[in-house]
Structures are given as structure tokens and as C-alpha cells.
Amino acid sequence: LCTGPAWFVFAAAGCMKLARLMKVFVTGPLPAEGRAVLAKAADCEVEQWNSDDPIPRKELEQSVVGAHGLLCRLNDHVDRKLLDAAGANLKVISTFSVGVDHLALEEIKKRGIRVGYTPGVLTDATAELAVSLLLTTCRRLPEAIEEVKKGGWSSWNPLWMCGYGLSQSTVGIVGLGRIGQAIARRLKPFGVQRFLYTGRQPRPQEAAEFQAEFVPIAQLAAESDFIVVSCSLTPATRGLCSKDFFQKMKNTAVFINISRGDVVNQDDLYQALTSGQIAAAGLDVTTPEPLPPSHPLLTLKNCVILPHIGSATYKTRNTMSLLAANNLLAGLRGEPMPSELKL
């Protein structure tokens, strides 16, 4: 069963014959809680790509042949070709993520494959990171740290290293879902005067907590001092933040994206930052990921880029792995998933 040094294969405890075991393929190492759940599944034979590096596409296509279940990550593209490689046995896909833009959902739906995902459990961690990134960007912390390290810190100067504060500001949130609400909840105590939001439709019940106003995206861009993008990536949101959007923003405004890189046209963002059209940007997501070290955005002092660490706390990642594993096993056994995406 082992096909190379990066493989890890285990058959769960039990006396069932191999012919009766359901084949499960996991595209990378899992944190301890999820790994323990799969190890105890006596009705499954689990094969796992045992490297932190993404599994090469060719290896992935070979590995899913005959699989009944697939536990994947957000950087594994599950498209028609991969589904064809898996074959008719594939009944369940469980993704170790809340986002599902890497899954060919229409094709998956046609084949009657169930999908599990991990919403809710990463909301707090991602919202905390969004607020951290916003504060880091608007108060120019990376620049300030660098000045200390290179000896640029001299006598006190009233305007040196000045940034922008949240008190009495207007914050615009693109996508007032679970994470968007959690971000607003954390920003409110900073003295934000006004919250704006946009999305597919008004959410008056959710918005009431923050007295947030539902506005067209053009108005949100024009009136916000800080903009946080926390929407899902869909055909409607792909490239949503582009030249026209940035041109409407204030030249003192700060732009934050913690959703998906493809929501933003990065060339247009670069032009907006270098021309002074907007003040600064903070990104936890980019296109591609990882962003090449030679990318122009990485040359800018007014652009803070993180390596997609929104949910990166030990507790959150362990809980995500547990939910992903339980989604997979429940689907394979024909039971209700703890968190199933309705197709």
C-alpha cells in the first residue's frame, strides 16, 4: 500500500476483512484530534499524503482511484478530472476549510456526492486575525519595528510614524456573515462611529447589533475609513475590488482582505497603493498562494501581507480537523453530517 516516502497508510483497528473496508484518502497530515477519529474508524482504510507540502496533482489523481471518501484542503482543486479519476465509489468529500471555492460544486452535485465543511469553528480566530491585521496596517507597525531595528528611531517627532485610528471612524464590511459579524463585534469597542455593510441582501437581524447600514458597494467604498472584505469567493465577488472600487475610496482609507485573494484585482490594488489613491492595505490572502517573494506588492511599505493564517490557532485547527473527520465518517455511513454543505 505504501507507494513512497511521503505516504502514510493505516487500517483502523478491527477485524473486518480488507474487502469490506471503505477507502479514504486524506491529502495531508491532520492535527491530533482529527487523526485520532480516523484511526478509530474500524470500517475504513485510510491513506494519507504524509507531507506538509501539497500533494502533486498526478499523485492526487492516482491516490483517489476507488476512494469512497476524500478529506481535502483548500489548496486541493477538486474538479471534474479528479472526480473522474476517483470513479463511482466516491460518495463523500470533506474539506478542511469553511471556503468551498476549490470544489467544483455543480459537478459534485450531479454525481450525488455529499460535501462536508467547517464553518463556525474558525470564526473567532479569523475575526481576531482580521482585527490584528487592521491595527497592524493602520498604525504602520511593520514600518515602526523596522525603524527600531535599523536605527531610524531618533528624537521624538510629532508626525513621524503617524497612522490612522478607529475612534469615530466609519468601517465598511463586505460580507456580514459569521466572520463579518465577529469582526464588527470586536471593532465596536474601539469607538467606531458607524458600520456599513454590503452583500447579496440586507441582513437586518444580524446588523441590528451594530446599527450597521446596508448600502451599495460604491457607497461603502466612498464613505468608509476602513474596509474589511470577509465575503465568500463566488462568480459575483471574483474581482469585486478592482480599479473602480479603489478609485471611489478615500485617500486616507485602509483596505483589509481576509476572504480570498481572487476577490481583489492585485494589479489594481498595487496602482492604488503606489499612487496614493488609498493609504494602506493588509492582506491575509493573495493570488497565488504563496505569493512569490518578487511580487510588486511585497516591495511596498504601506502593504502588510500575511501567509493566510486567519484560522491558525492550535485550538481552532484541531477543532477543524475533528469536524472534517466526523463529517467524512458520517457521510460514508449514511448519517447526518455535523456540518454538511447543502448543494
Foldseek 3Di string as FASTA:
>chain_A
DDDDPQKDWDAADDDDDPVQAAEEEEFEDAPDQLVVLVNNPNRHIYMYRYDPDGDDPVVLLQRLACHQEYEYEPPAQADPSSDVSNPLNHAEYFYLAQADPSYPVVVCVVSNHWYFYDPPLLQLLLLVVQVVLVCCQQQLVVVVVVCVVVVVDDDDDPPPSHGDAQAQFEEEEEDCDSNVLSNLVVSVVSHHDAYEYEDPDDDVVSCVVVVYHYDPLLVSQQRGQEYEYAHHDDPVQFQCAAQSSLQNHQLRHEYEYLYEARSHDVVRVLVCPVVSSHPAYEYAYHPPPPDPCPDPLVVDSRYHYHRNCSRPDSVSSSVSSNLSSQQRVCSSVVHDRPGIDDD
